[in-house]
Amino acid sequence: MTLLLAFLIGFFAGLRSLTAPAATAWAVRLGWLRLERPLSLIGSILSVAIFTLLAVVEFVADKLPRTPKRTSPPGLIARIVMGGLTGTCVAAGGAQGFLLGAMLGAAGGVVGCFGGYQARTRLVRATGAPDIYIALLEDLVAVAGCLWVVSRF
């Protein structure tokens, strides 16, 4: 189950790259997810503040018309790295191998990146709804999904 959760946190990082580390940081800070050093540093007050602020900025930036596609190299790389980091934390919190957790989280980041992009563009086309409504729904899925994953421990 832990390895599936490592993949899922990466998947949600693929939707919103900074939501997963923000949720992971809060989970460690609140004691939901117990990690040893050096991974436990993600739960420091400074890390929680930085990841939370960056996640909020990402929520706003995602809605701007000039924001590049998540599938462009910088966006994709960020999702792979954050998926790997959070996958590592989740796997370690569940007493699984951190390397496997990193790989699964990174893979989840790729799947979430491309799957989320396809889902969003197809939902906009199919429903005729403005993109911002689907983007807000995607935000909700990313936040709820990340919180669900990190609360399993």
N, C-alpha and C. Protein backbone atom coordinates (compact mmCIF):
# COMPACT_ATOMS: atom_id res chain seq x y z
N MET A 1 0.83 -1.20 0.00
CA MET A 1 0.00 0.00 0.00
C MET A 1 0.87 1.26 0.00
N THR A 2 1.97 1.25 0.76
CA THR A 2 2.84 2.42 0.86
C THR A 2 3.42 2.80 -0.51
N LEU A 3 3.79 1.82 -1.29
CA LEU A 3 4.37 2.12 -2.60
C LEU A 3 3.32 2.71 -3.55
N LEU A 4 2.09 2.28 -3.43
CA LEU A 4 1.00 2.90 -4.20
C LEU A 4 0.84 4.35 -3.78
N LEU A 5 0.93 4.62 -2.50
CA LEU A 5 0.82 5.99 -2.00
C LEU A 5 1.98 6.85 -2.50
N ALA A 6 3.17 6.27 -2.61
CA ALA A 6 4.32 7.00 -3.15
C ALA A 6 4.06 7.39 -4.61
N PHE A 7 3.48 6.48 -5.37
CA PHE A 7 3.12 6.79 -6.75
C PHE A 7 2.05 7.88 -6.80
N LEU A 8 1.05 7.75 -5.94
CA LEU A 8 -0.06 8.71 -5.95
C LEU A 8 0.37 10.12 -5.57
N ILE A 9 1.25 10.26 -4.58
CA ILE A 9 1.71 11.60 -4.21
C ILE A 9 2.47 12.20 -5.40
N GLY A 10 3.20 11.37 -6.13
CA GLY A 10 3.85 11.85 -7.35
C GLY A 10 2.84 12.24 -8.41
N PHE A 11 1.79 11.46 -8.53
CA PHE A 11 0.72 11.78 -9.49
C PHE A 11 0.14 13.16 -9.19
N PHE A 12 -0.14 13.41 -7.92
CA PHE A 12 -0.70 14.71 -7.56
C PHE A 12 0.31 15.84 -7.75
N ALA A 13 1.61 15.53 -7.60
CA ALA A 13 2.65 16.51 -7.92
C ALA A 13 2.64 16.81 -9.41
N GLY A 14 2.22 15.85 -10.22
CA GLY A 14 2.09 16.07 -11.65
C GLY A 14 0.98 17.04 -11.99
N LEU A 15 -0.03 17.10 -11.13
CA LEU A 15 -1.12 18.06 -11.33
C LEU A 15 -0.70 19.46 -10.90
N ARG A 16 -0.16 19.56 -9.71
CA ARG A 16 0.33 20.82 -9.14
C ARG A 16 1.65 20.51 -8.45
N SER A 17 2.74 20.91 -9.04
CA SER A 17 4.07 20.48 -8.60
C SER A 17 4.40 20.84 -7.16
N LEU A 18 3.86 21.91 -6.64
CA LEU A 18 4.24 22.34 -5.29
C LEU A 18 3.22 22.00 -4.22
N THR A 19 2.07 21.49 -4.62
CA THR A 19 1.06 21.08 -3.64
C THR A 19 1.53 19.84 -2.88
N ALA A 20 2.12 18.89 -3.58
CA ALA A 20 2.58 17.66 -2.93
C ALA A 20 3.65 17.92 -1.88
N PRO A 21 4.70 18.71 -2.18
CA PRO A 21 5.68 18.97 -1.11
C PRO A 21 5.11 19.82 0.02
N ALA A 22 4.18 20.71 -0.28
CA ALA A 22 3.56 21.50 0.79
C ALA A 22 2.76 20.59 1.72
N ALA A 23 1.97 19.69 1.15
CA ALA A 23 1.19 18.75 1.97
C ALA A 23 2.10 17.82 2.75
N THR A 24 3.17 17.36 2.13
CA THR A 24 4.13 16.48 2.81
C THR A 24 4.80 17.22 3.96
N ALA A 25 5.19 18.46 3.71
CA ALA A 25 5.84 19.27 4.76
C ALA A 25 4.90 19.44 5.95
N TRP A 26 3.64 19.77 5.67
CA TRP A 26 2.66 19.92 6.75
C TRP A 26 2.45 18.59 7.49
N ALA A 27 2.40 17.49 6.75
CA ALA A 27 2.18 16.18 7.38
C ALA A 27 3.32 15.84 8.34
N VAL A 28 4.54 16.15 7.93
CA VAL A 28 5.69 15.89 8.81
C VAL A 28 5.63 16.83 10.01
N ARG A 29 5.32 18.09 9.76
CA ARG A 29 5.25 19.09 10.84
C ARG A 29 4.19 18.70 11.87
N LEU A 30 3.05 18.20 11.40
CA LEU A 30 1.94 17.85 12.30
C LEU A 30 2.08 16.46 12.92
N GLY A 31 3.11 15.72 12.51
CA GLY A 31 3.33 14.39 13.06
C GLY A 31 2.52 13.29 12.39
N TRP A 32 1.87 13.58 11.28
CA TRP A 32 1.13 12.55 10.55
C TRP A 32 2.09 11.58 9.88
N LEU A 33 3.20 12.12 9.41
CA LEU A 33 4.20 11.35 8.68
C LEU A 33 5.52 11.49 9.42
N ARG A 34 6.04 10.38 9.91
CA ARG A 34 7.27 10.43 10.70
C ARG A 34 8.45 10.02 9.82
N LEU A 35 9.42 10.93 9.77
CA LEU A 35 10.61 10.71 8.95
C LEU A 35 11.86 10.92 9.77
N GLU A 36 12.91 10.22 9.38
CA GLU A 36 14.23 10.40 10.00
C GLU A 36 14.97 11.48 9.21
N ARG A 37 16.02 12.01 9.83
CA ARG A 37 16.88 12.97 9.14
C ARG A 37 17.56 12.29 7.97
N PRO A 38 17.81 12.91 6.90
CA PRO A 38 17.60 14.31 6.57
C PRO A 38 16.21 14.61 6.02
N LEU A 39 15.42 13.57 5.71
CA LEU A 39 14.09 13.81 5.14
C LEU A 39 13.18 14.58 6.08
N SER A 40 13.38 14.43 7.38
CA SER A 40 12.52 15.12 8.34
C SER A 40 12.64 16.63 8.25
N LEU A 41 13.68 17.13 7.61
CA LEU A 41 13.85 18.58 7.47
C LEU A 41 12.74 19.22 6.63
N ILE A 42 12.04 18.43 5.84
CA ILE A 42 10.92 18.97 5.08
C ILE A 42 9.82 19.47 6.01
N GLY A 43 9.80 18.98 7.24
CA GLY A 43 8.80 19.41 8.21
C GLY A 43 9.22 20.60 9.06
N SER A 44 10.37 21.18 8.77
CA SER A 44 10.80 22.36 9.54
C SER A 44 9.87 23.54 9.25
N ILE A 45 9.82 24.47 10.16
CA ILE A 45 8.95 25.63 9.98
C ILE A 45 9.29 26.37 8.69
N LEU A 46 10.59 26.51 8.42
CA LEU A 46 11.01 27.21 7.21
C LEU A 46 10.55 26.47 5.95
N SER A 47 10.71 25.15 5.92
CA SER A 47 10.28 24.37 4.75
C SER A 47 8.77 24.44 4.57
N VAL A 48 8.03 24.32 5.66
CA VAL A 48 6.57 24.41 5.58
C VAL A 48 6.16 25.76 5.01
N ALA A 49 6.76 26.82 5.51
CA ALA A 49 6.41 28.17 5.05
C ALA A 49 6.75 28.35 3.57
N ILE A 50 7.93 27.92 3.18
CA ILE A 50 8.36 28.10 1.78
C ILE A 50 7.49 27.29 0.83
N PHE A 51 7.28 26.00 1.14
CA PHE A 51 6.47 25.17 0.23
C PHE A 51 5.02 25.64 0.19
N THR A 52 4.48 26.09 1.31
CA THR A 52 3.10 26.58 1.33
C THR A 52 2.98 27.84 0.48
N LEU A 53 3.90 28.77 0.66
CA LEU A 53 3.88 30.00 -0.12
C LEU A 53 4.02 29.71 -1.62
N LEU A 54 4.96 28.83 -1.96
CA LEU A 54 5.16 28.49 -3.37
C LEU A 54 3.94 27.78 -3.96
N ALA A 55 3.27 26.95 -3.18
CA ALA A 55 2.06 26.28 -3.67
C ALA A 55 0.96 27.29 -3.96
N VAL A 56 0.79 28.27 -3.08
CA VAL A 56 -0.22 29.31 -3.30
C VAL A 56 0.12 30.11 -4.56
N VAL A 57 1.39 30.47 -4.72
CA VAL A 57 1.82 31.19 -5.92
C VAL A 57 1.54 30.35 -7.17
N GLU A 58 1.79 29.05 -7.09
CA GLU A 58 1.52 28.18 -8.24
C GLU A 58 0.03 28.14 -8.57
N PHE A 59 -0.83 28.10 -7.55
CA PHE A 59 -2.28 28.11 -7.81
C PHE A 59 -2.67 29.35 -8.61
N VAL A 60 -2.12 30.49 -8.25
CA VAL A 60 -2.43 31.74 -8.95
C VAL A 60 -1.81 31.73 -10.34
N ALA A 61 -0.53 31.39 -10.43
CA ALA A 61 0.19 31.43 -11.71
C ALA A 61 -0.44 30.50 -12.74
N ASP A 62 -0.98 29.38 -12.29
CA ASP A 62 -1.59 28.42 -13.21
C ASP A 62 -2.76 29.03 -13.98
N LYS A 63 -3.40 30.00 -13.39
CA LYS A 63 -4.58 30.59 -14.03
C LYS A 63 -4.24 31.72 -15.00
N LEU A 64 -3.00 32.16 -15.01
CA LEU A 64 -2.60 33.27 -15.87
C LEU A 64 -2.43 32.80 -17.32
N PRO A 65 -2.82 33.64 -18.26
CA PRO A 65 -2.79 33.21 -19.67
C PRO A 65 -1.39 32.95 -20.23
N ARG A 66 -0.37 33.57 -19.68
CA ARG A 66 0.98 33.40 -20.22
C ARG A 66 1.79 32.31 -19.53
N THR A 67 1.18 31.60 -18.63
CA THR A 67 1.89 30.52 -17.95
C THR A 67 2.16 29.40 -18.95
N PRO A 68 3.42 28.94 -19.05
CA PRO A 68 3.73 27.87 -20.00
C PRO A 68 3.01 26.56 -19.63
N LYS A 69 2.87 25.70 -20.63
CA LYS A 69 2.24 24.39 -20.39
C LYS A 69 3.07 23.59 -19.39
N ARG A 70 2.38 22.81 -18.60
CA ARG A 70 3.06 21.96 -17.61
C ARG A 70 3.93 20.90 -18.28
N THR A 71 3.64 20.61 -19.54
CA THR A 71 4.41 19.58 -20.25
C THR A 71 5.69 20.13 -20.88
N SER A 72 5.89 21.44 -20.80
CA SER A 72 7.16 22.01 -21.29
C SER A 72 8.28 21.56 -20.35
N PRO A 73 9.52 21.52 -20.82
CA PRO A 73 10.61 20.96 -20.00
C PRO A 73 10.71 21.49 -18.56
N PRO A 74 10.65 22.81 -18.31
CA PRO A 74 10.78 23.25 -16.91
C PRO A 74 9.65 22.71 -16.01
N GLY A 75 8.42 22.76 -16.52
CA GLY A 75 7.28 22.27 -15.75
C GLY A 75 7.34 20.77 -15.52
N LEU A 76 7.70 20.04 -16.55
CA LEU A 76 7.80 18.58 -16.43
C LEU A 76 8.91 18.18 -15.46
N ILE A 77 10.06 18.85 -15.57
CA ILE A 77 11.17 18.54 -14.67
C ILE A 77 10.79 18.82 -13.22
N ALA A 78 10.11 19.94 -12.98
CA ALA A 78 9.67 20.26 -11.62
C ALA A 78 8.74 19.18 -11.07
N ARG A 79 7.86 18.67 -11.90
CA ARG A 79 6.91 17.64 -11.46
C ARG A 79 7.62 16.31 -11.18
N ILE A 80 8.61 16.00 -11.98
CA ILE A 80 9.39 14.78 -11.76
C ILE A 80 10.18 14.89 -10.45
N VAL A 81 10.83 16.02 -10.26
CA VAL A 81 11.65 16.21 -9.05
C VAL A 81 10.78 16.23 -7.79
N MET A 82 9.68 16.98 -7.82
CA MET A 82 8.81 17.06 -6.64
C MET A 82 8.09 15.73 -6.40
N GLY A 83 7.73 15.04 -7.47
CA GLY A 83 7.14 13.71 -7.31
C GLY A 83 8.14 12.75 -6.69
N GLY A 84 9.40 12.82 -7.14
CA GLY A 84 10.44 11.97 -6.56
C GLY A 84 10.70 12.28 -5.10
N LEU A 85 10.78 13.57 -4.77
CA LEU A 85 11.01 13.97 -3.37
C LEU A 85 9.88 13.50 -2.47
N THR A 86 8.65 13.77 -2.86
CA THR A 86 7.52 13.41 -2.01
C THR A 86 7.29 11.90 -1.99
N GLY A 87 7.57 11.23 -3.11
CA GLY A 87 7.49 9.77 -3.13
C GLY A 87 8.49 9.15 -2.17
N THR A 88 9.69 9.75 -2.12
CA THR A 88 10.71 9.30 -1.17
C THR A 88 10.21 9.44 0.26
N CYS A 89 9.64 10.59 0.57
CA CYS A 89 9.15 10.85 1.93
C CYS A 89 8.04 9.87 2.32
N VAL A 90 7.10 9.66 1.41
CA VAL A 90 5.99 8.75 1.69
C VAL A 90 6.49 7.32 1.88
N ALA A 91 7.38 6.88 1.00
CA ALA A 91 7.92 5.53 1.11
C ALA A 91 8.69 5.36 2.42
N ALA A 92 9.53 6.33 2.76
CA ALA A 92 10.29 6.25 4.01
C ALA A 92 9.37 6.28 5.21
N GLY A 93 8.30 7.07 5.15
CA GLY A 93 7.33 7.11 6.24
C GLY A 93 6.60 5.80 6.44
N GLY A 94 6.50 5.02 5.38
CA GLY A 94 5.86 3.71 5.45
C GLY A 94 6.84 2.57 5.54
N ALA A 95 8.08 2.88 5.90
CA ALA A 95 9.14 1.89 6.11
C ALA A 95 9.45 1.08 4.84
N GLN A 96 9.37 1.76 3.70
CA GLN A 96 9.74 1.14 2.43
C GLN A 96 11.02 1.79 1.92
N GLY A 97 11.61 1.21 0.91
CA GLY A 97 12.85 1.74 0.37
C GLY A 97 12.66 3.11 -0.25
N PHE A 98 13.53 4.05 0.14
CA PHE A 98 13.38 5.40 -0.37
C PHE A 98 13.69 5.51 -1.85
N LEU A 99 14.60 4.68 -2.37
CA LEU A 99 14.92 4.74 -3.79
C LEU A 99 13.72 4.31 -4.64
N LEU A 100 13.06 3.25 -4.24
CA LEU A 100 11.86 2.81 -4.96
C LEU A 100 10.76 3.86 -4.84
N GLY A 101 10.65 4.46 -3.67
CA GLY A 101 9.67 5.54 -3.48
C GLY A 101 9.95 6.72 -4.39
N ALA A 102 11.23 7.07 -4.54
CA ALA A 102 11.62 8.17 -5.42
C ALA A 102 11.26 7.85 -6.87
N MET A 103 11.55 6.64 -7.30
CA MET A 103 11.25 6.25 -8.67
C MET A 103 9.75 6.23 -8.94
N LEU A 104 8.99 5.69 -7.99
CA LEU A 104 7.53 5.65 -8.15
C LEU A 104 6.93 7.05 -8.12
N GLY A 105 7.44 7.89 -7.23
CA GLY A 105 6.95 9.27 -7.15
C GLY A 105 7.26 10.04 -8.43
N ALA A 106 8.46 9.85 -8.97
CA ALA A 106 8.84 10.51 -10.22
C ALA A 106 7.97 10.02 -11.38
N ALA A 107 7.74 8.71 -11.42
CA ALA A 107 6.86 8.15 -12.47
C ALA A 107 5.45 8.70 -12.32
N GLY A 108 4.97 8.79 -11.09
CA GLY A 108 3.66 9.38 -10.84
C GLY A 108 3.60 10.82 -11.31
N GLY A 109 4.71 11.56 -11.13
CA GLY A 109 4.77 12.94 -11.60
C GLY A 109 4.59 13.04 -13.10
N VAL A 110 5.21 12.13 -13.84
CA VAL A 110 5.07 12.12 -15.30
C VAL A 110 3.64 11.78 -15.70
N VAL A 111 3.08 10.75 -15.08
CA VAL A 111 1.70 10.34 -15.39
C VAL A 111 0.72 11.46 -15.04
N GLY A 112 0.90 12.08 -13.87
CA GLY A 112 0.02 13.17 -13.47
C GLY A 112 0.15 14.38 -14.38
N CYS A 113 1.36 14.67 -14.81
CA CYS A 113 1.61 15.81 -15.70
C CYS A 113 0.84 15.65 -17.01
N PHE A 114 1.09 14.57 -17.70
CA PHE A 114 0.46 14.37 -19.00
C PHE A 114 -1.02 13.99 -18.88
N GLY A 115 -1.34 13.15 -17.88
CA GLY A 115 -2.74 12.78 -17.68
C GLY A 115 -3.59 13.97 -17.26
N GLY A 116 -3.06 14.80 -16.37
CA GLY A 116 -3.78 15.99 -15.93
C GLY A 116 -3.98 16.98 -17.06
N TYR A 117 -2.96 17.14 -17.88
CA TYR A 117 -3.06 18.04 -19.03
C TYR A 117 -4.16 17.57 -19.99
N GLN A 118 -4.13 16.27 -20.29
CA GLN A 118 -5.14 15.72 -21.20
C GLN A 118 -6.54 15.83 -20.60
N ALA A 119 -6.68 15.49 -19.33
CA ALA A 119 -7.99 15.55 -18.68
C ALA A 119 -8.53 16.98 -18.69
N ARG A 120 -7.67 17.93 -18.35
CA ARG A 120 -8.12 19.33 -18.29
C ARG A 120 -8.54 19.84 -19.66
N THR A 121 -7.71 19.62 -20.67
CA THR A 121 -8.05 20.14 -22.00
C THR A 121 -9.29 19.44 -22.56
N ARG A 122 -9.43 18.17 -22.31
CA ARG A 122 -10.61 17.45 -22.82
C ARG A 122 -11.88 17.86 -22.08
N LEU A 123 -11.78 18.09 -20.77
CA LEU A 123 -12.95 18.53 -20.01
C LEU A 123 -13.40 19.92 -20.46
N VAL A 124 -12.46 20.79 -20.73
CA VAL A 124 -12.81 22.13 -21.22
C VAL A 124 -13.54 22.01 -22.55
N ARG A 125 -12.98 21.20 -23.43
CA ARG A 125 -13.60 21.00 -24.75
C ARG A 125 -14.97 20.34 -24.65
N ALA A 126 -15.08 19.30 -23.84
CA ALA A 126 -16.32 18.54 -23.75
C ALA A 126 -17.45 19.31 -23.07
N THR A 127 -17.11 20.09 -22.06
CA THR A 127 -18.15 20.79 -21.30
C THR A 127 -18.40 22.20 -21.81
N GLY A 128 -17.42 22.77 -22.50
CA GLY A 128 -17.55 24.15 -22.93
C GLY A 128 -17.35 25.13 -21.78
N ALA A 129 -16.97 24.60 -20.63
CA ALA A 129 -16.76 25.45 -19.45
C ALA A 129 -15.46 26.25 -19.62
N PRO A 130 -15.41 27.42 -19.03
CA PRO A 130 -14.14 28.17 -19.07
C PRO A 130 -13.02 27.38 -18.40
N ASP A 131 -11.82 27.51 -18.93
CA ASP A 131 -10.68 26.78 -18.41
C ASP A 131 -10.48 26.99 -16.91
N ILE A 132 -10.75 28.19 -16.44
CA ILE A 132 -10.50 28.47 -15.02
C ILE A 132 -11.34 27.57 -14.11
N TYR A 133 -12.54 27.22 -14.52
CA TYR A 133 -13.38 26.34 -13.69
C TYR A 133 -12.77 24.94 -13.58
N ILE A 134 -12.28 24.45 -14.70
CA ILE A 134 -11.65 23.13 -14.70
C ILE A 134 -10.33 23.19 -13.94
N ALA A 135 -9.61 24.29 -14.06
CA ALA A 135 -8.35 24.47 -13.33
C ALA A 135 -8.62 24.48 -11.82
N LEU A 136 -9.68 25.15 -11.40
CA LEU A 136 -10.02 25.16 -9.96
C LEU A 136 -10.41 23.77 -9.47
N LEU A 137 -11.10 23.02 -10.31
CA LEU A 137 -11.44 21.64 -9.97
C LEU A 137 -10.16 20.81 -9.84
N GLU A 138 -9.21 21.03 -10.75
CA GLU A 138 -7.94 20.33 -10.68
C GLU A 138 -7.17 20.69 -9.40
N ASP A 139 -7.22 21.96 -9.02
CA ASP A 139 -6.61 22.39 -7.75
C ASP A 139 -7.20 21.60 -6.58
N LEU A 140 -8.51 21.50 -6.58
CA LEU A 140 -9.20 20.78 -5.51
C LEU A 140 -8.79 19.31 -5.47
N VAL A 141 -8.71 18.69 -6.63
CA VAL A 141 -8.29 17.29 -6.70
C VAL A 141 -6.86 17.12 -6.18
N ALA A 142 -5.97 18.03 -6.57
CA ALA A 142 -4.58 17.95 -6.13
C ALA A 142 -4.46 18.11 -4.61
N VAL A 143 -5.14 19.10 -4.05
CA VAL A 143 -5.07 19.33 -2.60
C VAL A 143 -5.68 18.17 -1.84
N ALA A 144 -6.89 17.78 -2.22
CA ALA A 144 -7.56 16.68 -1.52
C ALA A 144 -6.78 15.38 -1.66
N GLY A 145 -6.27 15.11 -2.84
CA GLY A 145 -5.50 13.89 -3.06
C GLY A 145 -4.23 13.85 -2.23
N CYS A 146 -3.51 14.96 -2.21
CA CYS A 146 -2.28 15.02 -1.41
C CYS A 146 -2.58 14.85 0.08
N LEU A 147 -3.60 15.53 0.55
CA LEU A 147 -3.96 15.40 1.97
C LEU A 147 -4.40 13.98 2.31
N TRP A 148 -5.12 13.36 1.40
CA TRP A 148 -5.52 11.97 1.64
C TRP A 148 -4.30 11.07 1.75
N VAL A 149 -3.35 11.22 0.83
CA VAL A 149 -2.15 10.37 0.84
C VAL A 149 -1.38 10.55 2.14
N VAL A 150 -1.07 11.79 2.51
CA VAL A 150 -0.19 12.00 3.67
C VAL A 150 -0.90 11.74 5.00
N SER A 151 -2.20 11.60 4.98
CA SER A 151 -2.94 11.31 6.22
C SER A 151 -3.10 9.81 6.45
N ARG A 152 -2.55 8.97 5.60
CA ARG A 152 -2.70 7.52 5.72
C ARG A 152 -1.74 6.91 6.72
N PHE A 153 -0.87 7.68 7.33
CA PHE A 153 0.17 7.10 8.19
C PHE A 153 -0.11 7.25 9.65
